[in-house]
Amino acid sequence: VMYEANCIIFDGSDAALFDETRPFMPPATQDEALARLCGLVQECARVNAPYIELADLGAGTGRVALPLARHYARYRERYRTVPKLRITCVDLSDEMLGRLRERWAVEGEHVKESVELIAECALDVRDLGGLAPRFDAAIAHWIFHLIEDWRLAVYAIDQVIRPSGRLFLFTEHSSLYSAID
């Protein structure tokens, strides 16, 4: 774990351990949460837009993006008029994003027909503010506790979400996360 610019970065061997030590959610809870999220994300769709633009902020190894992509592909099979989903993954760690790209490469074509996943170059969430609003929604999962000046991150996120967009914040409740808190 590296400390840089008032935040914590997971690099090197930390990227490999990340998935093992930080599961997203138990499968039963995960399915319910992702089904609800798919519906909420779909509500963010712009009229006649070919994609719903979603940012996964602090995406890491894809522990939220990949299960969401799989679930959205099933959701889109059920509701054929729903636009495709484009998930732009942002993380500070090149190693974490590299692991995400490896995991995405083995996803099935049925998922890739419904979801486009973009693993952007390493970028600090606080630096998003200079971009024009381009996302219909964003996900922030366990990132703000890693950033000392988290208010700057919230402000930057607000700048890249369209005015009608939404920010989804995930929290988890388990003995592991209680110990972290």
C-alpha atoms as a PDB file:
ATOM      1  CA  VAL A   1       0.000   0.000   0.000  1.00  0.00           C
ATOM      2  CA  MET A   2       1.387   3.371  -1.007  1.00  0.00           C
ATOM      3  CA  TYR A   3       0.488   6.741   0.482  1.00  0.00           C
ATOM      4  CA  GLU A   4       0.632   9.535  -2.033  1.00  0.00           C
ATOM      5  CA  ALA A   5      -0.996  12.937  -2.429  1.00  0.00           C
ATOM      6  CA  ASN A   6      -3.216  12.563   0.634  1.00  0.00           C
ATOM      7  CA  CYS A   7      -4.663   9.199  -0.436  1.00  0.00           C
ATOM      8  CA  ILE A   8      -3.898   5.488  -0.344  1.00  0.00           C
ATOM      9  CA  ILE A   9      -2.984   3.595  -3.535  1.00  0.00           C
ATOM     10  CA  PHE A  10      -3.109  -0.193  -3.859  1.00  0.00           C
ATOM     11  CA  ASP A  11      -0.274  -1.374  -6.111  1.00  0.00           C
ATOM     12  CA  GLY A  12       1.922  -4.382  -6.793  1.00  0.00           C
ATOM     13  CA  SER A  13       1.142  -7.391  -4.649  1.00  0.00           C
ATOM     14  CA  ASP A  14      -1.718  -5.456  -3.020  1.00  0.00           C
ATOM     15  CA  ALA A  15      -3.670  -5.688  -6.276  1.00  0.00           C
ATOM     16  CA  ALA A  16      -3.449  -9.487  -6.204  1.00  0.00           C
ATOM     17  CA  LEU A  17      -4.605  -9.642  -2.578  1.00  0.00           C
ATOM     18  CA  PHE A  18      -7.390  -7.136  -3.035  1.00  0.00           C
ATOM     19  CA  ASP A  19      -9.981  -9.554  -4.443  1.00  0.00           C
ATOM     20  CA  GLU A  20      -9.195 -12.196  -1.858  1.00  0.00           C
ATOM     21  CA  THR A  21      -9.607  -9.859   1.092  1.00  0.00           C
ATOM     22  CA  ARG A  22     -12.448  -7.636  -0.116  1.00  0.00           C
ATOM     23  CA  PRO A  23     -15.358  -9.541  -1.600  1.00  0.00           C
ATOM     24  CA  PHE A  24     -18.074  -7.277  -3.004  1.00  0.00           C
ATOM     25  CA  MET A  25     -21.092  -8.813  -1.257  1.00  0.00           C
ATOM     26  CA  PRO A  26     -22.428 -12.251  -0.412  1.00  0.00           C
ATOM     27  CA  PRO A  27     -24.034 -13.760  -3.572  1.00  0.00           C
ATOM     28  CA  ALA A  28     -27.645 -13.620  -2.304  1.00  0.00           C
ATOM     29  CA  THR A  29     -27.326  -9.982  -1.245  1.00  0.00           C
ATOM     30  CA  GLN A  30     -25.317  -9.143  -4.350  1.00  0.00           C
ATOM     31  CA  ASP A  31     -27.997 -10.385  -6.766  1.00  0.00           C
ATOM     32  CA  GLU A  32     -30.682  -8.341  -5.042  1.00  0.00           C
ATOM     33  CA  ALA A  33     -28.521  -5.199  -4.880  1.00  0.00           C
ATOM     34  CA  LEU A  34     -27.416  -5.496  -8.520  1.00  0.00           C
ATOM     35  CA  ALA A  35     -30.981  -6.074  -9.745  1.00  0.00           C
ATOM     36  CA  ARG A  36     -32.044  -2.899  -7.987  1.00  0.00           C
ATOM     37  CA  LEU A  37     -28.997  -1.024  -9.286  1.00  0.00           C
ATOM     38  CA  CYS A  38     -29.722  -2.095 -12.891  1.00  0.00           C
ATOM     39  CA  GLY A  39     -33.207  -0.598 -12.611  1.00  0.00           C
ATOM     40  CA  LEU A  40     -31.889   2.618 -11.085  1.00  0.00           C
ATOM     41  CA  VAL A  41     -29.123   2.934 -13.696  1.00  0.00           C
ATOM     42  CA  GLN A  42     -31.674   2.382 -16.462  1.00  0.00           C
ATOM     43  CA  GLU A  43     -33.703   5.298 -15.091  1.00  0.00           C
ATOM     44  CA  CYS A  44     -30.654   7.505 -15.809  1.00  0.00           C
ATOM     45  CA  ALA A  45     -30.760   6.738 -19.544  1.00  0.00           C
ATOM     46  CA  ARG A  46     -31.077   9.711 -21.857  1.00  0.00           C
ATOM     47  CA  VAL A  47     -33.733   9.585 -24.563  1.00  0.00           C
ATOM     48  CA  ASN A  48     -32.438   7.874 -27.727  1.00  0.00           C
ATOM     49  CA  ALA A  49     -28.904   7.556 -26.341  1.00  0.00           C
ATOM     50  CA  PRO A  50     -27.196   4.332 -27.485  1.00  0.00           C
ATOM     51  CA  TYR A  51     -25.473   3.920 -24.104  1.00  0.00           C
ATOM     52  CA  ILE A  52     -26.004   4.673 -20.467  1.00  0.00           C
ATOM     53  CA  GLU A  53     -22.680   6.196 -19.397  1.00  0.00           C
ATOM     54  CA  LEU A  54     -21.665   4.950 -15.948  1.00  0.00           C
ATOM     55  CA  ALA A  55     -18.432   5.728 -14.092  1.00  0.00           C
ATOM     56  CA  ASP A  56     -17.068   3.221 -11.594  1.00  0.00           C
ATOM     57  CA  LEU A  57     -14.882   5.405  -9.404  1.00  0.00           C
ATOM     58  CA  GLY A  58     -12.144   3.610  -7.538  1.00  0.00           C
ATOM     59  CA  ALA A  59     -12.945   0.598  -9.711  1.00  0.00           C
ATOM     60  CA  GLY A  60      -9.932  -1.381  -8.577  1.00  0.00           C
ATOM     61  CA  THR A  61      -9.962  -4.906  -9.972  1.00  0.00           C
ATOM     62  CA  GLY A  62     -13.581  -4.687 -11.081  1.00  0.00           C
ATOM     63  CA  ARG A  63     -15.211  -6.142  -7.999  1.00  0.00           C
ATOM     64  CA  VAL A  64     -18.322  -4.017  -8.681  1.00  0.00           C
ATOM     65  CA  ALA A  65     -18.042  -3.405 -12.447  1.00  0.00           C
ATOM     66  CA  LEU A  66     -17.761  -7.058 -13.478  1.00  0.00           C
ATOM     67  CA  PRO A  67     -20.696  -8.455 -11.466  1.00  0.00           C
ATOM     68  CA  LEU A  68     -22.729  -5.420 -12.552  1.00  0.00           C
ATOM     69  CA  ALA A  69     -21.848  -6.066 -16.214  1.00  0.00           C
ATOM     70  CA  ARG A  70     -22.971  -9.707 -15.924  1.00  0.00           C
ATOM     71  CA  HIS A  71     -26.175  -8.736 -14.195  1.00  0.00           C
ATOM     72  CA  TYR A  72     -26.918  -5.919 -16.644  1.00  0.00           C
ATOM     73  CA  ALA A  73     -26.504  -8.334 -19.578  1.00  0.00           C
ATOM     74  CA  ARG A  74     -29.224 -10.554 -18.032  1.00  0.00           C
ATOM     75  CA  TYR A  75     -31.344  -7.463 -17.289  1.00  0.00           C
ATOM     76  CA  ARG A  76     -31.037  -6.346 -20.910  1.00  0.00           C
ATOM     77  CA  GLU A  77     -32.098  -9.799 -22.150  1.00  0.00           C
ATOM     78  CA  ARG A  78     -35.304  -9.374 -20.153  1.00  0.00           C
ATOM     79  CA  TYR A  79     -35.922  -5.753 -21.131  1.00  0.00           C
ATOM     80  CA  ARG A  80     -34.846  -5.532 -24.776  1.00  0.00           C
ATOM     81  CA  THR A  81     -35.451  -1.782 -25.147  1.00  0.00           C
ATOM     82  CA  VAL A  82     -32.879  -0.900 -22.490  1.00  0.00           C
ATOM     83  CA  PRO A  83     -29.785   0.780 -23.986  1.00  0.00           C
ATOM     84  CA  LYS A  84     -26.333  -0.719 -23.707  1.00  0.00           C
ATOM     85  CA  LEU A  85     -24.275   0.158 -20.669  1.00  0.00           C
ATOM     86  CA  ARG A  86     -20.813   1.705 -20.949  1.00  0.00           C
ATOM     87  CA  ILE A  87     -18.855   1.447 -17.706  1.00  0.00           C
ATOM     88  CA  THR A  88     -15.802   3.686 -17.494  1.00  0.00           C
ATOM     89  CA  CYS A  89     -13.534   2.413 -14.733  1.00  0.00           C
ATOM     90  CA  VAL A  90     -11.325   4.940 -12.983  1.00  0.00           C
ATOM     91  CA  ASP A  91      -8.660   4.028 -10.453  1.00  0.00           C
ATOM     92  CA  LEU A  92      -5.311   5.419  -9.315  1.00  0.00           C
ATOM     93  CA  SER A  93      -3.531   2.087  -9.625  1.00  0.00           C
ATOM     94  CA  ASP A  94      -2.327   0.784 -12.981  1.00  0.00           C
ATOM     95  CA  GLU A  95      -1.919  -2.670 -11.401  1.00  0.00           C
ATOM     96  CA  MET A  96      -5.542  -2.740 -10.228  1.00  0.00           C
ATOM     97  CA  LEU A  97      -6.788  -1.658 -13.657  1.00  0.00           C
ATOM     98  CA  GLY A  98      -4.526  -4.221 -15.302  1.00  0.00           C
ATOM     99  CA  ARG A  99      -6.130  -6.946 -13.207  1.00  0.00           C
ATOM    100  CA  LEU A 100      -9.555  -5.599 -14.185  1.00  0.00           C
ATOM    101  CA  ARG A 101      -8.614  -5.774 -17.891  1.00  0.00           C
ATOM    102  CA  GLU A 102      -7.461  -9.392 -17.471  1.00  0.00           C
ATOM    103  CA  ARG A 103     -10.704 -10.349 -15.766  1.00  0.00           C
ATOM    104  CA  TRP A 104     -12.778  -8.533 -18.433  1.00  0.00           C
ATOM    105  CA  ALA A 105     -10.939 -10.344 -21.243  1.00  0.00           C
ATOM    106  CA  VAL A 106     -12.398 -13.687 -20.144  1.00  0.00           C
ATOM    107  CA  GLU A 107     -16.001 -12.463 -19.859  1.00  0.00           C
ATOM    108  CA  GLY A 108     -18.472 -14.086 -22.205  1.00  0.00           C
ATOM    109  CA  GLU A 109     -19.579 -12.464 -25.450  1.00  0.00           C
ATOM    110  CA  HIS A 110     -23.179 -12.260 -24.195  1.00  0.00           C
ATOM    111  CA  VAL A 111     -21.972  -9.810 -21.540  1.00  0.00           C
ATOM    112  CA  LYS A 112     -19.839  -7.843 -23.999  1.00  0.00           C
ATOM    113  CA  GLU A 113     -22.828  -7.455 -26.360  1.00  0.00           C
ATOM    114  CA  SER A 114     -24.695  -5.519 -23.660  1.00  0.00           C
ATOM    115  CA  VAL A 115     -21.882  -3.803 -21.804  1.00  0.00           C
ATOM    116  CA  GLU A 116     -18.802  -1.949 -22.970  1.00  0.00           C
ATOM    117  CA  LEU A 117     -16.155  -1.705 -20.290  1.00  0.00           C
ATOM    118  CA  ILE A 118     -13.438   0.906 -20.492  1.00  0.00           C
ATOM    119  CA  ALA A 119     -10.546   0.633 -18.028  1.00  0.00           C
ATOM    120  CA  GLU A 120      -9.167   4.160 -18.175  1.00  0.00           C
ATOM    121  CA  CYS A 121      -5.587   4.998 -17.374  1.00  0.00           C
ATOM    122  CA  ALA A 122      -4.790   5.598 -13.748  1.00  0.00           C
ATOM    123  CA  LEU A 123      -6.532   8.786 -12.681  1.00  0.00           C
ATOM    124  CA  ASP A 124      -7.200  10.400  -9.335  1.00  0.00           C
ATOM    125  CA  VAL A 125     -10.929  10.889  -8.748  1.00  0.00           C
ATOM    126  CA  ARG A 126     -10.142  14.399  -7.534  1.00  0.00           C
ATOM    127  CA  ASP A 127      -8.848  15.241 -11.036  1.00  0.00           C
ATOM    128  CA  LEU A 128     -12.145  14.486 -12.757  1.00  0.00           C
ATOM    129  CA  GLY A 129     -13.449  17.996 -12.173  1.00  0.00           C
ATOM    130  CA  GLY A 130     -11.748  19.369 -15.284  1.00  0.00           C
ATOM    131  CA  LEU A 131     -13.801  17.117 -17.555  1.00  0.00           C
ATOM    132  CA  ALA A 132     -17.166  18.077 -19.027  1.00  0.00           C
ATOM    133  CA  PRO A 133     -20.248  16.383 -17.562  1.00  0.00           C
ATOM    134  CA  ARG A 134     -20.445  13.110 -19.459  1.00  0.00           C
ATOM    135  CA  PHE A 135     -21.761  10.447 -17.107  1.00  0.00           C
ATOM    136  CA  ASP A 136     -25.393   9.569 -16.548  1.00  0.00           C
ATOM    137  CA  ALA A 137     -24.448   7.991 -13.237  1.00  0.00           C
ATOM    138  CA  ALA A 138     -21.444   7.078 -11.120  1.00  0.00           C
ATOM    139  CA  ILE A 139     -20.656   4.452  -8.516  1.00  0.00           C
ATOM    140  CA  ALA A 140     -18.399   5.183  -5.573  1.00  0.00           C
ATOM    141  CA  HIS A 141     -17.609   2.121  -3.502  1.00  0.00           C
ATOM    142  CA  TRP A 142     -15.323   2.404  -0.530  1.00  0.00           C
ATOM    143  CA  ILE A 143     -13.119   5.201  -1.822  1.00  0.00           C
ATOM    144  CA  PHE A 144     -13.775   8.240   0.337  1.00  0.00           C
ATOM    145  CA  HIS A 145     -12.128   6.765   3.439  1.00  0.00           C
ATOM    146  CA  LEU A 146      -8.918   6.440   1.389  1.00  0.00           C
ATOM    147  CA  ILE A 147      -8.804  10.120   0.442  1.00  0.00           C
ATOM    148  CA  GLU A 148      -7.901  12.641   3.124  1.00  0.00           C
ATOM    149  CA  ASP A 149      -9.503  15.571   1.282  1.00  0.00           C
ATOM    150  CA  TRP A 150     -12.584  13.602   0.228  1.00  0.00           C
ATOM    151  CA  ARG A 151     -14.656  16.772  -0.233  1.00  0.00           C
ATOM    152  CA  LEU A 152     -12.561  17.585  -3.321  1.00  0.00           C
ATOM    153  CA  ALA A 153     -13.389  14.134  -4.686  1.00  0.00           C
ATOM    154  CA  VAL A 154     -17.122  14.648  -4.126  1.00  0.00           C
ATOM    155  CA  TYR A 155     -16.955  18.036  -5.848  1.00  0.00           C
ATOM    156  CA  ALA A 156     -15.039  16.576  -8.825  1.00  0.00           C
ATOM    157  CA  ILE A 157     -17.541  13.731  -9.155  1.00  0.00           C
ATOM    158  CA  ASP A 158     -20.397  16.235  -9.141  1.00  0.00           C
ATOM    159  CA  GLN A 159     -18.750  18.027 -12.070  1.00  0.00           C
ATOM    160  CA  VAL A 160     -18.698  14.959 -14.356  1.00  0.00           C
ATOM    161  CA  ILE A 161     -22.228  13.708 -13.714  1.00  0.00           C
ATOM    162  CA  ARG A 162     -24.901  15.206 -15.926  1.00  0.00           C
ATOM    163  CA  PRO A 163     -27.442  17.382 -14.063  1.00  0.00           C
ATOM    164  CA  SER A 164     -30.075  14.634 -14.198  1.00  0.00           C
ATOM    165  CA  GLY A 165     -27.557  11.939 -13.186  1.00  0.00           C
ATOM    166  CA  ARG A 166     -27.098  10.032  -9.961  1.00  0.00           C
ATOM    167  CA  LEU A 167     -24.246   9.056  -7.682  1.00  0.00           C
ATOM    168  CA  PHE A 168     -24.582   5.609  -6.133  1.00  0.00           C
ATOM    169  CA  LEU A 169     -22.710   5.097  -2.874  1.00  0.00           C
ATOM    170  CA  PHE A 170     -22.203   1.558  -1.658  1.00  0.00           C
ATOM    171  CA  THR A 171     -21.554   0.624   1.929  1.00  0.00           C
ATOM    172  CA  GLU A 172     -20.958  -2.822   3.314  1.00  0.00           C
ATOM    173  CA  HIS A 173     -21.690  -4.271   6.693  1.00  0.00           C
ATOM    174  CA  SER A 174     -19.573  -7.163   7.910  1.00  0.00           C
ATOM    175  CA  SER A 175     -17.069  -7.870  10.660  1.00  0.00           C
ATOM    176  CA  LEU A 176     -14.217  -7.059   8.223  1.00  0.00           C
ATOM    177  CA  TYR A 177     -15.571  -3.616   7.373  1.00  0.00           C
ATOM    178  CA  SER A 178     -16.518  -2.897  10.969  1.00  0.00           C
ATOM    179  CA  ALA A 179     -12.888  -3.574  11.922  1.00  0.00           C
ATOM    180  CA  ILE A 180     -11.687  -1.241   9.137  1.00  0.00           C
ATOM    181  CA  ASP A 181     -13.984   1.525  10.333  1.00  0.00           C
END
